[in-house]
Amino acid sequence: MELKSPEQKLRAFVIFAFFMKKPKIEYPDFWEYKIIGQSRRELKEAAAEVITDRAYKFYFSRKSKKGKYISANVETKVFSESERNSIFSAFSRHPKVKVVF
């Protein structure tokens, strides 16, 4: 895709800068993961299987328009970036979690 107009170039630069900017997070910190799956039970089980060594808060947030998917928020205290990323990866690999943010 060729960026021709100045507006297209500016938009591309802003998007690039946004994603290249690493947020400054001071640890320990509470981090919230949003997980999406197909049933309440499966999401509760996924959270319990991924976060086994600490307390966490779990609550459901929304259902998809047709009711096929449901989302939940899982909040826990993380002590480092690698730990935060490790939990994210574990949710990503979990067979009952379709999407994680």
N, C-alpha and C. Protein backbone atom coordinates (compact mmCIF):
# COMPACT_ATOMS: atom_id res chain seq x y z
N MET A 1 0.84 -1.17 0.00
CA MET A 1 0.00 0.00 0.00
C MET A 1 0.89 1.24 0.00
N GLU A 2 0.62 2.11 -0.93
CA GLU A 2 1.40 3.33 -1.04
C GLU A 2 0.66 4.48 -0.35
N LEU A 3 1.38 5.18 0.49
CA LEU A 3 0.80 6.33 1.19
C LEU A 3 1.03 7.57 0.34
N LYS A 4 -0.06 8.13 -0.16
CA LYS A 4 0.07 9.26 -1.08
C LYS A 4 -0.21 10.60 -0.43
N SER A 5 -1.30 10.71 0.26
CA SER A 5 -1.67 12.02 0.81
C SER A 5 -0.93 12.29 2.11
N PRO A 6 -0.77 13.56 2.46
CA PRO A 6 -0.14 13.91 3.74
C PRO A 6 -0.91 13.34 4.93
N GLU A 7 -2.25 13.29 4.79
CA GLU A 7 -3.07 12.74 5.88
C GLU A 7 -2.78 11.26 6.09
N GLN A 8 -2.63 10.51 5.01
CA GLN A 8 -2.31 9.09 5.11
C GLN A 8 -0.94 8.90 5.76
N LYS A 9 0.02 9.71 5.37
CA LYS A 9 1.37 9.60 5.94
C LYS A 9 1.36 9.95 7.43
N LEU A 10 0.63 11.01 7.79
CA LEU A 10 0.54 11.40 9.19
C LEU A 10 -0.13 10.31 10.01
N ARG A 11 -1.24 9.76 9.51
CA ARG A 11 -1.94 8.69 10.22
C ARG A 11 -1.03 7.47 10.41
N ALA A 12 -0.28 7.10 9.38
CA ALA A 12 0.63 5.96 9.48
C ALA A 12 1.71 6.24 10.53
N PHE A 13 2.24 7.45 10.56
CA PHE A 13 3.26 7.80 11.53
C PHE A 13 2.71 7.74 12.96
N VAL A 14 1.51 8.27 13.17
CA VAL A 14 0.90 8.27 14.50
C VAL A 14 0.67 6.85 14.98
N ILE A 15 0.17 5.99 14.10
CA ILE A 15 -0.06 4.59 14.46
C ILE A 15 1.26 3.91 14.79
N PHE A 16 2.28 4.14 13.97
CA PHE A 16 3.60 3.54 14.20
C PHE A 16 4.16 4.02 15.54
N ALA A 17 4.10 5.32 15.81
CA ALA A 17 4.64 5.88 17.05
C ALA A 17 3.89 5.32 18.27
N PHE A 18 2.59 5.18 18.14
CA PHE A 18 1.79 4.65 19.25
C PHE A 18 2.23 3.24 19.62
N PHE A 19 2.44 2.40 18.63
CA PHE A 19 2.79 1.02 18.91
C PHE A 19 4.26 0.84 19.29
N MET A 20 5.10 1.75 18.91
CA MET A 20 6.52 1.65 19.25
C MET A 20 6.82 2.21 20.63
N LYS A 21 5.92 2.99 21.17
CA LYS A 21 6.12 3.59 22.48
C LYS A 21 5.83 2.55 23.56
N LYS A 22 6.79 2.27 24.37
CA LYS A 22 6.62 1.31 25.45
C LYS A 22 6.14 2.04 26.70
N PRO A 23 5.03 1.59 27.28
CA PRO A 23 4.54 2.29 28.47
C PRO A 23 5.48 2.08 29.66
N LYS A 24 5.57 3.09 30.50
CA LYS A 24 6.38 2.96 31.71
C LYS A 24 5.47 2.43 32.82
N ILE A 25 5.78 1.24 33.26
CA ILE A 25 4.99 0.59 34.30
C ILE A 25 5.91 0.36 35.49
N GLU A 26 5.47 0.80 36.64
CA GLU A 26 6.24 0.58 37.85
C GLU A 26 5.70 -0.65 38.57
N TYR A 27 6.58 -1.58 38.84
CA TYR A 27 6.19 -2.84 39.48
C TYR A 27 6.56 -2.81 40.94
N PRO A 28 5.82 -3.51 41.79
CA PRO A 28 4.63 -4.30 41.48
C PRO A 28 3.45 -3.41 41.13
N ASP A 29 2.54 -3.98 40.34
CA ASP A 29 1.36 -3.23 39.91
C ASP A 29 0.22 -4.22 39.67
N PHE A 30 -0.99 -3.72 39.78
CA PHE A 30 -2.14 -4.57 39.45
C PHE A 30 -2.36 -4.47 37.95
N TRP A 31 -2.56 -5.63 37.32
CA TRP A 31 -2.75 -5.68 35.88
C TRP A 31 -4.05 -6.41 35.58
N GLU A 32 -4.77 -5.88 34.61
CA GLU A 32 -6.05 -6.49 34.25
C GLU A 32 -5.97 -7.09 32.85
N TYR A 33 -6.35 -8.35 32.76
CA TYR A 33 -6.42 -9.06 31.48
C TYR A 33 -7.89 -9.22 31.12
N LYS A 34 -8.22 -8.99 29.87
CA LYS A 34 -9.57 -9.27 29.40
C LYS A 34 -9.47 -10.55 28.58
N ILE A 35 -10.27 -11.54 28.96
CA ILE A 35 -10.27 -12.81 28.24
C ILE A 35 -11.66 -13.02 27.63
N ILE A 36 -11.67 -13.64 26.46
CA ILE A 36 -12.92 -13.90 25.75
C ILE A 36 -13.00 -15.39 25.45
N GLY A 37 -14.15 -15.96 25.73
CA GLY A 37 -14.39 -17.38 25.48
C GLY A 37 -15.85 -17.62 25.18
N GLN A 38 -16.24 -18.91 25.27
CA GLN A 38 -17.61 -19.26 24.88
C GLN A 38 -18.53 -19.57 26.05
N SER A 39 -18.00 -19.72 27.25
CA SER A 39 -18.90 -19.95 28.38
C SER A 39 -18.29 -19.39 29.67
N ARG A 40 -19.17 -19.05 30.58
CA ARG A 40 -18.74 -18.52 31.88
C ARG A 40 -17.89 -19.55 32.62
N ARG A 41 -18.35 -20.78 32.62
CA ARG A 41 -17.64 -21.84 33.33
C ARG A 41 -16.22 -22.01 32.78
N GLU A 42 -16.09 -22.02 31.46
CA GLU A 42 -14.77 -22.21 30.85
C GLU A 42 -13.82 -21.06 31.17
N LEU A 43 -14.34 -19.84 31.20
CA LEU A 43 -13.48 -18.70 31.53
C LEU A 43 -13.04 -18.73 32.99
N LYS A 44 -13.96 -19.11 33.88
CA LYS A 44 -13.58 -19.24 35.30
C LYS A 44 -12.52 -20.31 35.47
N GLU A 45 -12.68 -21.44 34.80
CA GLU A 45 -11.69 -22.52 34.86
C GLU A 45 -10.34 -22.06 34.31
N ALA A 46 -10.36 -21.34 33.19
CA ALA A 46 -9.11 -20.86 32.59
C ALA A 46 -8.36 -19.94 33.56
N ALA A 47 -9.08 -19.04 34.20
CA ALA A 47 -8.42 -18.13 35.16
C ALA A 47 -7.80 -18.92 36.31
N ALA A 48 -8.54 -19.90 36.82
CA ALA A 48 -8.03 -20.70 37.94
C ALA A 48 -6.82 -21.55 37.52
N GLU A 49 -6.79 -21.99 36.27
CA GLU A 49 -5.66 -22.80 35.79
C GLU A 49 -4.44 -21.96 35.46
N VAL A 50 -4.64 -20.74 35.02
CA VAL A 50 -3.51 -19.88 34.65
C VAL A 50 -2.90 -19.20 35.88
N ILE A 51 -3.73 -18.68 36.75
CA ILE A 51 -3.23 -17.95 37.92
C ILE A 51 -3.40 -18.85 39.14
N THR A 52 -2.34 -19.56 39.46
CA THR A 52 -2.41 -20.55 40.54
C THR A 52 -1.66 -20.14 41.80
N ASP A 53 -0.82 -19.11 41.70
CA ASP A 53 0.08 -18.81 42.82
C ASP A 53 -0.22 -17.49 43.53
N ARG A 54 -1.37 -16.88 43.24
CA ARG A 54 -1.69 -15.59 43.86
C ARG A 54 -3.18 -15.33 43.78
N ALA A 55 -3.60 -14.34 44.52
CA ALA A 55 -5.01 -13.95 44.50
C ALA A 55 -5.30 -13.18 43.21
N TYR A 56 -6.54 -13.24 42.77
CA TYR A 56 -6.96 -12.46 41.61
C TYR A 56 -8.44 -12.15 41.74
N LYS A 57 -8.84 -11.08 41.05
CA LYS A 57 -10.25 -10.71 40.97
C LYS A 57 -10.76 -11.14 39.60
N PHE A 58 -11.95 -11.69 39.58
CA PHE A 58 -12.53 -12.18 38.34
C PHE A 58 -13.96 -11.67 38.24
N TYR A 59 -14.31 -11.06 37.13
CA TYR A 59 -15.70 -10.67 36.93
C TYR A 59 -16.02 -10.64 35.44
N PHE A 60 -17.26 -11.00 35.14
CA PHE A 60 -17.71 -11.01 33.75
C PHE A 60 -18.03 -9.59 33.31
N SER A 61 -17.79 -9.31 32.02
CA SER A 61 -18.06 -7.96 31.56
C SER A 61 -19.17 -7.91 30.51
N ARG A 62 -19.00 -8.57 29.37
CA ARG A 62 -19.99 -8.43 28.30
C ARG A 62 -20.22 -9.75 27.59
N LYS A 63 -21.35 -9.79 26.87
CA LYS A 63 -21.69 -10.90 25.99
C LYS A 63 -21.74 -10.36 24.57
N SER A 64 -21.36 -11.18 23.60
CA SER A 64 -21.44 -10.74 22.21
C SER A 64 -22.90 -10.55 21.82
N LYS A 65 -23.10 -9.84 20.75
CA LYS A 65 -24.46 -9.50 20.30
C LYS A 65 -25.32 -10.75 20.11
N LYS A 66 -24.76 -11.80 19.54
CA LYS A 66 -25.51 -13.04 19.31
C LYS A 66 -25.39 -14.03 20.46
N GLY A 67 -24.62 -13.68 21.48
CA GLY A 67 -24.50 -14.53 22.66
C GLY A 67 -23.53 -15.68 22.54
N LYS A 68 -22.74 -15.71 21.47
CA LYS A 68 -21.80 -16.83 21.27
C LYS A 68 -20.56 -16.68 22.15
N TYR A 69 -20.14 -15.45 22.41
CA TYR A 69 -18.93 -15.21 23.19
C TYR A 69 -19.24 -14.37 24.41
N ILE A 70 -18.41 -14.54 25.42
CA ILE A 70 -18.53 -13.76 26.65
C ILE A 70 -17.13 -13.31 27.05
N SER A 71 -17.05 -12.14 27.66
CA SER A 71 -15.74 -11.66 28.11
C SER A 71 -15.72 -11.53 29.62
N ALA A 72 -14.53 -11.63 30.15
CA ALA A 72 -14.32 -11.50 31.59
C ALA A 72 -13.03 -10.73 31.81
N ASN A 73 -12.96 -10.07 32.95
CA ASN A 73 -11.74 -9.37 33.36
C ASN A 73 -11.11 -10.14 34.51
N VAL A 74 -9.80 -10.27 34.44
CA VAL A 74 -9.05 -10.94 35.49
C VAL A 74 -7.95 -9.97 35.92
N GLU A 75 -7.99 -9.58 37.19
CA GLU A 75 -7.01 -8.64 37.71
C GLU A 75 -6.16 -9.31 38.77
N THR A 76 -4.85 -9.13 38.66
CA THR A 76 -3.93 -9.70 39.64
C THR A 76 -2.71 -8.81 39.77
N LYS A 77 -1.98 -8.98 40.83
CA LYS A 77 -0.76 -8.20 41.06
C LYS A 77 0.40 -8.89 40.34
N VAL A 78 1.13 -8.12 39.55
CA VAL A 78 2.32 -8.63 38.87
C VAL A 78 3.54 -7.89 39.39
N PHE A 79 4.66 -8.59 39.41
CA PHE A 79 5.87 -8.04 40.02
C PHE A 79 6.96 -7.68 39.02
N SER A 80 6.74 -8.02 37.73
CA SER A 80 7.73 -7.67 36.70
C SER A 80 7.07 -7.77 35.33
N GLU A 81 7.75 -7.20 34.35
CA GLU A 81 7.24 -7.27 32.98
C GLU A 81 7.22 -8.71 32.48
N SER A 82 8.26 -9.46 32.81
CA SER A 82 8.30 -10.85 32.34
C SER A 82 7.16 -11.67 32.96
N GLU A 83 6.84 -11.40 34.21
CA GLU A 83 5.72 -12.09 34.85
C GLU A 83 4.39 -11.70 34.20
N ARG A 84 4.22 -10.42 33.92
CA ARG A 84 3.01 -9.93 33.25
C ARG A 84 2.86 -10.59 31.88
N ASN A 85 3.94 -10.64 31.12
CA ASN A 85 3.91 -11.26 29.80
C ASN A 85 3.70 -12.77 29.88
N SER A 86 4.24 -13.39 30.89
CA SER A 86 4.07 -14.84 31.07
C SER A 86 2.60 -15.20 31.30
N ILE A 87 1.92 -14.41 32.12
CA ILE A 87 0.49 -14.65 32.36
C ILE A 87 -0.29 -14.42 31.08
N PHE A 88 0.04 -13.37 30.34
CA PHE A 88 -0.61 -13.10 29.07
C PHE A 88 -0.44 -14.29 28.12
N SER A 89 0.78 -14.80 28.03
CA SER A 89 1.06 -15.94 27.15
C SER A 89 0.30 -17.18 27.58
N ALA A 90 0.21 -17.40 28.88
CA ALA A 90 -0.53 -18.57 29.38
C ALA A 90 -2.00 -18.47 29.00
N PHE A 91 -2.59 -17.29 29.13
CA PHE A 91 -3.98 -17.11 28.69
C PHE A 91 -4.09 -17.33 27.18
N SER A 92 -3.13 -16.82 26.42
CA SER A 92 -3.16 -16.96 24.96
C SER A 92 -3.12 -18.42 24.52
N ARG A 93 -2.38 -19.24 25.25
CA ARG A 93 -2.24 -20.66 24.91
C ARG A 93 -3.39 -21.52 25.44
N HIS A 94 -4.17 -20.99 26.37
CA HIS A 94 -5.21 -21.80 27.00
C HIS A 94 -6.29 -22.13 25.97
N PRO A 95 -6.67 -23.40 25.85
CA PRO A 95 -7.63 -23.81 24.82
C PRO A 95 -9.03 -23.21 24.97
N LYS A 96 -9.42 -22.80 26.15
CA LYS A 96 -10.76 -22.25 26.37
C LYS A 96 -10.82 -20.73 26.18
N VAL A 97 -9.66 -20.09 26.04
CA VAL A 97 -9.60 -18.64 25.83
C VAL A 97 -9.39 -18.39 24.35
N LYS A 98 -10.34 -17.70 23.74
CA LYS A 98 -10.26 -17.41 22.29
C LYS A 98 -9.40 -16.18 22.04
N VAL A 99 -9.52 -15.16 22.89
CA VAL A 99 -8.77 -13.90 22.72
C VAL A 99 -8.40 -13.39 24.10
N VAL A 100 -7.22 -12.76 24.19
CA VAL A 100 -6.81 -12.11 25.45
C VAL A 100 -6.27 -10.73 25.12
N PHE A 101 -6.62 -9.75 25.93
CA PHE A 101 -6.08 -8.38 25.80
C PHE A 101 -5.42 -8.02 27.10
